[in-house]
Amino acid sequence: MTTIPVIFDSYRSLKDKTLKITFETSEMSPQQIGELAQCQNQYGYLAFKVEPFTDIEKDTIEALKTDFEDTGKTPGQRLRAVLYRNWEKSNDGYKTFFDYYNAKMETLIDHFKGKLD
């Protein structure tokens, strides 16, 4: 676990309803930078508190287990995001993503319903 004093700088909402959160920190040691570099593109937990964490809080955070998927999204959220990207590339004549999404989901539902017979 890496603990770094930071200043919460900003956040912004992304298209897929996730957030991009930005923090600033003072100069870091090469060891701290190395620890962070090893975590790049990995999922984990971020805890933010105005005052330093107590030992009990650190132990609680340390005990957390990450069992995220490769994107941290539910399978349904991942499917919706993929469908949105496909609609952006080729809307198949649908003017809105809502209509495209409903049509594609109906196709998927019919496909799997057909396997029940």
C-alpha atoms as a PDB file:
ATOM      1  CA  MET A   1       0.000   0.000   0.000  1.00  0.00           C
ATOM      2  CA  THR A   2       1.280   3.436  -0.887  1.00  0.00           C
ATOM      3  CA  THR A   3       0.225   6.382   1.244  1.00  0.00           C
ATOM      4  CA  ILE A   4       0.840   9.827  -0.235  1.00  0.00           C
ATOM      5  CA  PRO A   5      -0.284  13.222   1.061  1.00  0.00           C
ATOM      6  CA  VAL A   6      -2.318  14.836  -1.721  1.00  0.00           C
ATOM      7  CA  ILE A   7      -4.573  17.752  -2.556  1.00  0.00           C
ATOM      8  CA  PHE A   8      -7.839  16.883  -4.280  1.00  0.00           C
ATOM      9  CA  ASP A   9      -7.681  18.988  -7.418  1.00  0.00           C
ATOM     10  CA  SER A  10     -10.680  18.230  -9.593  1.00  0.00           C
ATOM     11  CA  TYR A  11     -13.020  15.710 -11.121  1.00  0.00           C
ATOM     12  CA  ARG A  12     -14.926  15.484 -14.341  1.00  0.00           C
ATOM     13  CA  SER A  13     -17.665  13.273 -15.621  1.00  0.00           C
ATOM     14  CA  LEU A  14     -16.914  11.043 -18.617  1.00  0.00           C
ATOM     15  CA  LYS A  15     -19.251   9.810 -21.369  1.00  0.00           C
ATOM     16  CA  ASP A  16     -19.655   6.380 -19.839  1.00  0.00           C
ATOM     17  CA  LYS A  17     -20.764   7.940 -16.524  1.00  0.00           C
ATOM     18  CA  THR A  18     -17.435   7.220 -14.818  1.00  0.00           C
ATOM     19  CA  LEU A  19     -15.364   9.979 -13.239  1.00  0.00           C
ATOM     20  CA  LYS A  20     -11.825  11.148 -13.794  1.00  0.00           C
ATOM     21  CA  ILE A  21     -10.418  12.300 -10.450  1.00  0.00           C
ATOM     22  CA  THR A  22      -7.239  14.373 -10.208  1.00  0.00           C
ATOM     23  CA  PHE A  23      -4.980  14.809  -7.185  1.00  0.00           C
ATOM     24  CA  GLU A  24      -1.803  16.857  -6.783  1.00  0.00           C
ATOM     25  CA  THR A  25       1.095  16.048  -4.489  1.00  0.00           C
ATOM     26  CA  SER A  26       4.373  17.589  -3.488  1.00  0.00           C
ATOM     27  CA  GLU A  27       7.653  16.121  -4.677  1.00  0.00           C
ATOM     28  CA  MET A  28       7.865  12.352  -4.260  1.00  0.00           C
ATOM     29  CA  SER A  29      10.821  10.093  -3.622  1.00  0.00           C
ATOM     30  CA  PRO A  30      12.026   7.813  -6.431  1.00  0.00           C
ATOM     31  CA  GLN A  31      10.758   4.845  -4.371  1.00  0.00           C
ATOM     32  CA  GLN A  32       7.237   6.306  -4.156  1.00  0.00           C
ATOM     33  CA  ILE A  33       7.235   7.076  -7.866  1.00  0.00           C
ATOM     34  CA  GLY A  34       8.379   3.526  -8.575  1.00  0.00           C
ATOM     35  CA  GLU A  35       5.610   2.070  -6.394  1.00  0.00           C
ATOM     36  CA  LEU A  36       3.008   4.137  -8.230  1.00  0.00           C
ATOM     37  CA  ALA A  37       4.461   3.246 -11.635  1.00  0.00           C
ATOM     38  CA  GLN A  38       4.035  -0.447 -10.819  1.00  0.00           C
ATOM     39  CA  CYS A  39       0.330   0.163 -10.181  1.00  0.00           C
ATOM     40  CA  GLN A  40      -0.360   1.808 -13.537  1.00  0.00           C
ATOM     41  CA  ASN A  41      -3.412   0.311 -15.313  1.00  0.00           C
ATOM     42  CA  GLN A  42      -4.308  -1.789 -12.289  1.00  0.00           C
ATOM     43  CA  TYR A  43      -7.436  -1.655 -10.195  1.00  0.00           C
ATOM     44  CA  GLY A  44      -7.329  -0.894  -6.521  1.00  0.00           C
ATOM     45  CA  TYR A  45      -8.856   1.269  -3.852  1.00  0.00           C
ATOM     46  CA  LEU A  46      -8.393   4.972  -3.244  1.00  0.00           C
ATOM     47  CA  ALA A  47      -9.034   6.317   0.235  1.00  0.00           C
ATOM     48  CA  PHE A  48      -9.062  10.062   0.826  1.00  0.00           C
ATOM     49  CA  LYS A  49      -9.199  11.673   4.238  1.00  0.00           C
ATOM     50  CA  VAL A  50      -8.389  15.217   5.297  1.00  0.00           C
ATOM     51  CA  GLU A  51      -6.312  14.073   8.289  1.00  0.00           C
ATOM     52  CA  PRO A  52      -3.802  11.166   8.359  1.00  0.00           C
ATOM     53  CA  PHE A  53      -5.110   7.617   8.614  1.00  0.00           C
ATOM     54  CA  THR A  54      -4.937   5.860  11.967  1.00  0.00           C
ATOM     55  CA  ASP A  55      -3.209   2.480  12.203  1.00  0.00           C
ATOM     56  CA  ILE A  56      -6.599   0.764  12.494  1.00  0.00           C
ATOM     57  CA  GLU A  57      -7.833   2.523   9.349  1.00  0.00           C
ATOM     58  CA  LYS A  58      -4.644   1.572   7.500  1.00  0.00           C
ATOM     59  CA  ASP A  59      -5.110  -2.070   8.552  1.00  0.00           C
ATOM     60  CA  THR A  60      -8.716  -1.985   7.313  1.00  0.00           C
ATOM     61  CA  ILE A  61      -7.662  -0.537   3.965  1.00  0.00           C
ATOM     62  CA  GLU A  62      -4.800  -3.021   3.677  1.00  0.00           C
ATOM     63  CA  ALA A  63      -7.262  -5.914   4.193  1.00  0.00           C
ATOM     64  CA  LEU A  64      -9.439  -4.895   1.229  1.00  0.00           C
ATOM     65  CA  LYS A  65      -9.296  -7.284  -1.709  1.00  0.00           C
ATOM     66  CA  THR A  66      -9.656  -6.198  -5.317  1.00  0.00           C
ATOM     67  CA  ASP A  67     -11.856  -8.527  -7.293  1.00  0.00           C
ATOM     68  CA  PHE A  68     -12.620  -6.166 -10.136  1.00  0.00           C
ATOM     69  CA  GLU A  69     -12.983  -7.292 -13.717  1.00  0.00           C
ATOM     70  CA  ASP A  70     -10.464  -6.050 -16.213  1.00  0.00           C
ATOM     71  CA  THR A  71     -12.374  -2.755 -16.557  1.00  0.00           C
ATOM     72  CA  GLY A  72     -13.914  -2.405 -13.133  1.00  0.00           C
ATOM     73  CA  LYS A  73     -17.366  -2.308 -14.721  1.00  0.00           C
ATOM     74  CA  THR A  74     -20.174  -4.813 -14.550  1.00  0.00           C
ATOM     75  CA  PRO A  75     -20.638  -7.012 -17.630  1.00  0.00           C
ATOM     76  CA  GLY A  76     -23.802  -5.043 -18.467  1.00  0.00           C
ATOM     77  CA  GLN A  77     -21.916  -1.730 -18.293  1.00  0.00           C
ATOM     78  CA  ARG A  78     -19.156  -3.161 -20.473  1.00  0.00           C
ATOM     79  CA  LEU A  79     -21.676  -4.388 -23.062  1.00  0.00           C
ATOM     80  CA  ARG A  80     -23.415  -1.006 -23.139  1.00  0.00           C
ATOM     81  CA  ALA A  81     -20.068   0.786 -23.597  1.00  0.00           C
ATOM     82  CA  VAL A  82     -19.093  -1.544 -26.457  1.00  0.00           C
ATOM     83  CA  LEU A  83     -22.461  -1.050 -28.124  1.00  0.00           C
ATOM     84  CA  TYR A  84     -22.048   2.719 -27.780  1.00  0.00           C
ATOM     85  CA  ARG A  85     -18.637   2.591 -29.471  1.00  0.00           C
ATOM     86  CA  ASN A  86     -20.107   0.467 -32.286  1.00  0.00           C
ATOM     87  CA  TRP A  87     -22.960   2.949 -32.709  1.00  0.00           C
ATOM     88  CA  GLU A  88     -20.426   5.794 -32.966  1.00  0.00           C
ATOM     89  CA  LYS A  89     -18.577   3.951 -35.740  1.00  0.00           C
ATOM     90  CA  SER A  90     -21.648   2.746 -37.622  1.00  0.00           C
ATOM     91  CA  ASN A  91     -25.117   3.652 -36.406  1.00  0.00           C
ATOM     92  CA  ASP A  92     -26.845   1.198 -38.787  1.00  0.00           C
ATOM     93  CA  GLY A  93     -29.407   3.893 -39.586  1.00  0.00           C
ATOM     94  CA  TYR A  94     -30.424   4.564 -35.975  1.00  0.00           C
ATOM     95  CA  LYS A  95     -30.567   8.267 -35.166  1.00  0.00           C
ATOM     96  CA  THR A  96     -30.184   7.816 -31.406  1.00  0.00           C
ATOM     97  CA  PHE A  97     -28.081   5.470 -29.335  1.00  0.00           C
ATOM     98  CA  PHE A  98     -31.209   4.611 -27.329  1.00  0.00           C
ATOM     99  CA  ASP A  99     -32.869   3.114 -30.426  1.00  0.00           C
ATOM    100  CA  TYR A 100     -29.658   1.358 -31.505  1.00  0.00           C
ATOM    101  CA  TYR A 101     -29.132  -0.067 -28.011  1.00  0.00           C
ATOM    102  CA  ASN A 102     -32.689  -1.385 -27.755  1.00  0.00           C
ATOM    103  CA  ALA A 103     -32.510  -3.020 -31.199  1.00  0.00           C
ATOM    104  CA  LYS A 104     -29.162  -4.706 -30.496  1.00  0.00           C
ATOM    105  CA  MET A 105     -30.299  -5.887 -27.060  1.00  0.00           C
ATOM    106  CA  GLU A 106     -33.471  -7.337 -28.605  1.00  0.00           C
ATOM    107  CA  THR A 107     -31.292  -9.204 -31.119  1.00  0.00           C
ATOM    108  CA  LEU A 108     -29.184 -10.632 -28.277  1.00  0.00           C
ATOM    109  CA  ILE A 109     -32.265 -11.577 -26.260  1.00  0.00           C
ATOM    110  CA  ASP A 110     -33.844 -13.330 -29.259  1.00  0.00           C
ATOM    111  CA  HIS A 111     -30.593 -15.185 -29.919  1.00  0.00           C
ATOM    112  CA  PHE A 112     -30.421 -16.612 -26.402  1.00  0.00           C
ATOM    113  CA  LYS A 113     -34.157 -17.222 -26.211  1.00  0.00           C
ATOM    114  CA  GLY A 114     -33.788 -19.351 -29.333  1.00  0.00           C
ATOM    115  CA  LYS A 115     -31.304 -21.551 -27.497  1.00  0.00           C
ATOM    116  CA  LEU A 116     -33.977 -22.346 -24.879  1.00  0.00           C
ATOM    117  CA  ASP A 117     -36.228 -24.186 -27.348  1.00  0.00           C
END
